[in-house]
Amino acid sequence: MASPLSREGDPGNDPGTVTGRVVVPAGLRIPPTESQAPVWDTAIATTTPRPAFWLLGAHDTAAGVATLTRTWAPAGDSRMGWPAADRYRSVVIVARTHREGLQSAHDLLLQSIAGLTGGCSLLGLVSVPDAPGKLPATLRRQRASSNRLPRGSGACRTYRTTAP
């Protein structure tokens, strides 16, 4: 009988064999390669002390990672990739609360659930508001969708910062 995490008919997903492939939960939408963050195979920590956890910007450089890195002393900028070769590999995804930012964050959460992070562990998601005030309902629902991801995926905690 096939594992509940394997896709039926996929070669190499037999529970008794090890082929180096990542077993993806059935029914999980894996983001396209261009929507995934790269997995760094060399260490990116260049300062001492080493960061205790990493901030991964979900989209371009305006996600708020630089500001949060300066504010949260033990955090480091993962340069928009998974720090798989570093000693500490805990990651917090950072995204702005606009449509592109929230969609990019969702893709990274799915990448993490699929196990395509090079062994990095996801601590949660920080959403950084674009402007003061309440988010439109559609964006609130999109942000809340990350809270409905499966328990144990590491992606069920969402943190919000205050408006700039």
Foldseek 3Di string as FASTA:
>chain_A
DFDQQADPPDPPRRPVDDDPDQRGHPPQDQDPPVLEFAADPAAPQDDPPAAQEEEAELDPPPLCRVVVCVVDVSYDYPVNAQRLNDPHGEYEYTFELDPVRLVSVVNHLSCLLSVVRNPHAYQEYEYEYPAADDDPPVSVVSNCVQCVPDPPSNYNDYHYDHHD
